[in-house]
C-alpha atoms as a PDB file:
ATOM      1  CA  MET A   1      32.743  -0.400 -65.409  1.00  0.00           C
ATOM      2  CA  THR A   2      31.433   3.097 -64.788  1.00  0.00           C
ATOM      3  CA  ARG A   3      27.961   2.408 -63.462  1.00  0.00           C
ATOM      4  CA  ALA A   4      27.169   2.746 -59.836  1.00  0.00           C
ATOM      5  CA  MET A   5      23.975   1.298 -58.239  1.00  0.00           C
ATOM      6  CA  SER A   6      21.542   3.069 -55.973  1.00  0.00           C
ATOM      7  CA  LYS A   7      20.311   1.655 -52.761  1.00  0.00           C
ATOM      8  CA  SER A   8      16.998   0.621 -54.260  1.00  0.00           C
ATOM      9  CA  THR A   9      18.458  -2.182 -56.460  1.00  0.00           C
ATOM     10  CA  ARG A  10      18.369  -5.824 -55.447  1.00  0.00           C
ATOM     11  CA  SER A  11      22.044  -6.519 -55.081  1.00  0.00           C
ATOM     12  CA  CYS A  12      24.899  -8.680 -53.718  1.00  0.00           C
ATOM     13  CA  PHE A  13      28.267  -7.653 -52.295  1.00  0.00           C
ATOM     14  CA  PRO A  14      30.739 -10.539 -52.446  1.00  0.00           C
ATOM     15  CA  ASP A  15      33.733 -10.501 -50.106  1.00  0.00           C
ATOM     16  CA  ILE A  16      37.201 -10.846 -51.576  1.00  0.00           C
ATOM     17  CA  ASN A  17      37.482 -14.597 -51.260  1.00  0.00           C
ATOM     18  CA  VAL A  18      34.156 -15.108 -53.141  1.00  0.00           C
ATOM     19  CA  TRP A  19      35.469 -12.887 -56.023  1.00  0.00           C
ATOM     20  CA  LEU A  20      38.730 -14.949 -55.898  1.00  0.00           C
ATOM     21  CA  ALA A  21      36.916 -18.294 -55.976  1.00  0.00           C
ATOM     22  CA  VAL A  22      34.740 -17.054 -58.879  1.00  0.00           C
ATOM     23  CA  VAL A  23      37.746 -16.280 -61.155  1.00  0.00           C
ATOM     24  CA  VAL A  24      40.389 -18.903 -60.110  1.00  0.00           C
ATOM     25  CA  GLU A  25      39.236 -22.309 -61.380  1.00  0.00           C
ATOM     26  CA  ARG A  26      41.749 -24.202 -59.179  1.00  0.00           C
ATOM     27  CA  HIS A  27      40.465 -22.404 -56.043  1.00  0.00           C
ATOM     28  CA  ILE A  28      39.102 -24.814 -53.402  1.00  0.00           C
ATOM     29  CA  CYS A  29      35.744 -23.054 -53.381  1.00  0.00           C
ATOM     30  CA  ASN A  30      35.448 -22.422 -57.135  1.00  0.00           C
ATOM     31  CA  ASP A  31      32.574 -24.870 -57.546  1.00  0.00           C
ATOM     32  CA  ALA A  32      30.476 -23.242 -54.820  1.00  0.00           C
ATOM     33  CA  ALA A  33      31.370 -19.669 -56.016  1.00  0.00           C
ATOM     34  CA  SER A  34      30.675 -20.541 -59.666  1.00  0.00           C
ATOM     35  CA  ARG A  35      27.285 -22.056 -58.823  1.00  0.00           C
ATOM     36  CA  TRP A  36      26.328 -18.920 -56.935  1.00  0.00           C
ATOM     37  CA  TRP A  37      27.713 -16.682 -59.775  1.00  0.00           C
ATOM     38  CA  ASN A  38      25.975 -18.581 -62.540  1.00  0.00           C
ATOM     39  CA  HIS A  39      22.662 -18.684 -60.818  1.00  0.00           C
ATOM     40  CA  ASP A  40      22.371 -15.436 -58.921  1.00  0.00           C
ATOM     41  CA  LYS A  41      19.554 -13.298 -60.167  1.00  0.00           C
ATOM     42  CA  SER A  42      20.706 -10.010 -58.557  1.00  0.00           C
ATOM     43  CA  GLU A  43      20.482  -6.864 -60.657  1.00  0.00           C
ATOM     44  CA  ALA A  44      23.868  -5.759 -59.294  1.00  0.00           C
ATOM     45  CA  ILE A  45      26.873  -7.619 -57.974  1.00  0.00           C
ATOM     46  CA  GLY A  46      29.101  -4.923 -56.424  1.00  0.00           C
ATOM     47  CA  PHE A  47      32.756  -4.091 -55.773  1.00  0.00           C
ATOM     48  CA  CYS A  48      34.182  -1.438 -53.588  1.00  0.00           C
ATOM     49  CA  ARG A  49      37.704  -0.264 -53.818  1.00  0.00           C
ATOM     50  CA  PHE A  50      38.667  -2.605 -50.929  1.00  0.00           C
ATOM     51  CA  THR A  51      37.340  -5.678 -52.647  1.00  0.00           C
ATOM     52  CA  GLN A  52      38.757  -4.700 -56.045  1.00  0.00           C
ATOM     53  CA  LEU A  53      42.221  -4.143 -54.561  1.00  0.00           C
ATOM     54  CA  GLY A  54      41.982  -7.322 -52.385  1.00  0.00           C
ATOM     55  CA  LEU A  55      41.121  -9.390 -55.628  1.00  0.00           C
ATOM     56  CA  LEU A  56      43.960  -7.877 -57.547  1.00  0.00           C
ATOM     57  CA  ARG A  57      46.445  -8.322 -54.676  1.00  0.00           C
ATOM     58  CA  HIS A  58      45.399 -12.072 -54.185  1.00  0.00           C
ATOM     59  CA  LEU A  59      45.677 -12.803 -57.857  1.00  0.00           C
ATOM     60  CA  THR A  60      49.262 -11.482 -57.931  1.00  0.00           C
ATOM     61  CA  ASN A  61      50.365 -13.200 -54.705  1.00  0.00           C
ATOM     62  CA  ALA A  62      52.463 -16.313 -55.102  1.00  0.00           C
ATOM     63  CA  GLY A  63      51.160 -17.942 -51.777  1.00  0.00           C
ATOM     64  CA  THR A  64      47.627 -17.368 -52.584  1.00  0.00           C
ATOM     65  CA  MET A  65      47.940 -18.541 -56.129  1.00  0.00           C
ATOM     66  CA  LYS A  66      49.879 -21.674 -55.187  1.00  0.00           C
ATOM     67  CA  GLY A  67      53.156 -20.562 -56.925  1.00  0.00           C
ATOM     68  CA  ARG A  68      51.433 -19.346 -60.082  1.00  0.00           C
ATOM     69  CA  PRO A  69      50.567 -15.634 -59.493  1.00  0.00           C
ATOM     70  CA  LEU A  70      49.369 -13.545 -62.240  1.00  0.00           C
ATOM     71  CA  THR A  71      51.219 -10.471 -63.497  1.00  0.00           C
ATOM     72  CA  ASN A  72      49.605  -7.179 -62.588  1.00  0.00           C
ATOM     73  CA  ARG A  73      48.566  -6.848 -66.262  1.00  0.00           C
ATOM     74  CA  GLN A  74      46.952 -10.207 -66.125  1.00  0.00           C
ATOM     75  CA  ALA A  75      45.092  -9.600 -62.899  1.00  0.00           C
ATOM     76  CA  TRP A  76      43.718  -6.356 -64.299  1.00  0.00           C
ATOM     77  CA  ALA A  77      42.531  -8.264 -67.346  1.00  0.00           C
ATOM     78  CA  VAL A  78      40.697 -10.618 -65.074  1.00  0.00           C
ATOM     79  CA  PHE A  79      38.992  -7.680 -63.340  1.00  0.00           C
ATOM     80  CA  GLU A  80      38.121  -6.188 -66.668  1.00  0.00           C
ATOM     81  CA  THR A  81      36.584  -9.488 -67.762  1.00  0.00           C
ATOM     82  CA  LEU A  82      34.445  -9.549 -64.597  1.00  0.00           C
ATOM     83  CA  ALA A  83      33.425  -5.915 -65.396  1.00  0.00           C
ATOM     84  CA  THR A  84      31.914  -7.036 -68.740  1.00  0.00           C
ATOM     85  CA  ASP A  85      29.102  -8.796 -66.754  1.00  0.00           C
ATOM     86  CA  THR A  86      26.212  -6.317 -66.694  1.00  0.00           C
ATOM     87  CA  ARG A  87      25.549  -6.993 -63.131  1.00  0.00           C
ATOM     88  CA  VAL A  88      29.073  -5.931 -62.004  1.00  0.00           C
ATOM     89  CA  CYS A  89      29.383  -2.449 -60.653  1.00  0.00           C
ATOM     90  CA  PHE A  90      30.919  -0.280 -57.975  1.00  0.00           C
ATOM     91  CA  PHE A  91      28.728   0.503 -54.990  1.00  0.00           C
ATOM     92  CA  PRO A  92      29.133   3.962 -53.560  1.00  0.00           C
ATOM     93  CA  GLU A  93      30.524   4.703 -50.164  1.00  0.00           C
ATOM     94  CA  TRP A  94      27.591   6.464 -48.556  1.00  0.00           C
ATOM     95  CA  PRO A  95      28.057   8.992 -45.663  1.00  0.00           C
ATOM     96  CA  ALA A  96      26.449   6.602 -43.094  1.00  0.00           C
ATOM     97  CA  MET A  97      29.415   4.177 -43.597  1.00  0.00           C
ATOM     98  CA  ASP A  98      31.627   5.720 -40.858  1.00  0.00           C
ATOM     99  CA  GLY A  99      28.913   5.434 -38.276  1.00  0.00           C
ATOM    100  CA  LEU A 100      28.227   1.778 -39.038  1.00  0.00           C
ATOM    101  CA  LEU A 101      31.926   0.843 -39.260  1.00  0.00           C
ATOM    102  CA  LYS A 102      32.477   2.457 -35.867  1.00  0.00           C
ATOM    103  CA  THR A 103      29.536   0.482 -34.441  1.00  0.00           C
ATOM    104  CA  TYR A 104      30.494  -2.764 -36.030  1.00  0.00           C
ATOM    105  CA  ALA A 105      34.096  -2.554 -34.898  1.00  0.00           C
ATOM    106  CA  ASP A 106      33.368  -1.312 -31.327  1.00  0.00           C
ATOM    107  CA  VAL A 107      34.843  -4.046 -29.206  1.00  0.00           C
ATOM    108  CA  SER A 108      36.776  -3.671 -25.867  1.00  0.00           C
ATOM    109  CA  GLN A 109      39.939  -5.462 -27.059  1.00  0.00           C
ATOM    110  CA  ALA A 110      42.293  -5.189 -30.029  1.00  0.00           C
ATOM    111  CA  ALA A 111      40.831  -7.085 -32.764  1.00  0.00           C
ATOM    112  CA  THR A 112      43.044  -6.533 -35.901  1.00  0.00           C
ATOM    113  CA  ASN A 113      40.978  -8.820 -38.178  1.00  0.00           C
ATOM    114  CA  LEU A 114      37.736  -7.284 -37.264  1.00  0.00           C
ATOM    115  CA  TRP A 115      38.298  -4.060 -39.230  1.00  0.00           C
ATOM    116  CA  GLY A 116      38.056  -5.586 -42.665  1.00  0.00           C
ATOM    117  CA  ASP A 117      34.991  -7.642 -41.856  1.00  0.00           C
ATOM    118  CA  ALA A 118      33.310  -4.658 -40.101  1.00  0.00           C
ATOM    119  CA  TYR A 119      34.058  -2.508 -43.155  1.00  0.00           C
ATOM    120  CA  LEU A 120      32.553  -5.107 -45.565  1.00  0.00           C
ATOM    121  CA  ALA A 121      29.485  -5.501 -43.364  1.00  0.00           C
ATOM    122  CA  ALA A 122      28.935  -1.732 -43.092  1.00  0.00           C
ATOM    123  CA  TYR A 123      29.422  -1.354 -46.914  1.00  0.00           C
ATOM    124  CA  ALA A 124      26.830  -4.018 -47.586  1.00  0.00           C
ATOM    125  CA  ALA A 125      24.448  -2.415 -45.004  1.00  0.00           C
ATOM    126  CA  VAL A 126      24.667   1.121 -46.445  1.00  0.00           C
ATOM    127  CA  ASN A 127      24.093  -0.233 -50.013  1.00  0.00           C
ATOM    128  CA  ASP A 128      21.256  -2.537 -48.893  1.00  0.00           C
ATOM    129  CA  ALA A 129      23.182  -5.422 -50.431  1.00  0.00           C
ATOM    130  CA  THR A 130      23.468  -9.025 -49.455  1.00  0.00           C
ATOM    131  CA  LEU A 131      26.980  -9.785 -48.242  1.00  0.00           C
ATOM    132  CA  VAL A 132      28.131 -13.001 -49.941  1.00  0.00           C
ATOM    133  CA  SER A 133      30.915 -14.972 -48.219  1.00  0.00           C
ATOM    134  CA  PHE A 134      32.224 -18.275 -47.213  1.00  0.00           C
ATOM    135  CA  ASP A 135      33.007 -16.814 -43.711  1.00  0.00           C
ATOM    136  CA  LYS A 136      30.240 -17.777 -41.158  1.00  0.00           C
ATOM    137  CA  GLY A 137      31.563 -15.066 -38.915  1.00  0.00           C
ATOM    138  CA  PHE A 138      29.723 -12.463 -40.837  1.00  0.00           C
ATOM    139  CA  ALA A 139      26.546 -13.690 -39.122  1.00  0.00           C
ATOM    140  CA  LYS A 140      27.569 -11.547 -36.109  1.00  0.00           C
ATOM    141  CA  PHE A 141      26.760  -8.360 -38.043  1.00  0.00           C
ATOM    142  CA  PRO A 142      23.206  -7.116 -38.559  1.00  0.00           C
ATOM    143  CA  VAL A 143      23.318  -7.335 -42.272  1.00  0.00           C
ATOM    144  CA  LYS A 144      21.775  -9.501 -44.915  1.00  0.00           C
ATOM    145  CA  THR A 145      24.206 -12.349 -45.646  1.00  0.00           C
ATOM    146  CA  LEU A 146      24.432 -15.357 -47.911  1.00  0.00           C
ATOM    147  CA  ILE A 147      26.975 -17.882 -46.615  1.00  0.00           C
ATOM    148  CA  LEU A 148      28.220 -20.149 -49.379  1.00  0.00           C
ATOM    149  CA  GLU A 149      29.092 -23.691 -48.476  1.00  0.00           C
ATOM    150  CA  PRO A 150      32.358 -24.872 -50.057  1.00  0.00           C
END
């Protein structure tokens, strides 16, 4: 996968749990994720390094994979299989990213879990992509979202 998409392309940006549910048949949300994946008409469905590494990390985690983790080599093969889909690409990290991340994560208390969500929301926003997730919490960000129902 070497292509990168410009901001002008109609595109989707799945969070890590959606990518995981797409590729793991025994995942509790596989049916919903597969329905979305098989029917989505986007020109681009994008990764960033954070979502790529998150997918690889979860695929090789015994807890996430219910005692049946993949080897690193197997996980990479899953990623390479995804990359054969012509819609799959890497979205660029545009310079506006830092400003949006700062804005989205600007709360007056420690919020450890907010960083990742704010990053994904900012990434989707700067790439003019629809953030696809099972997490209704993304509605708090001013980005296009598609919340999948499990």
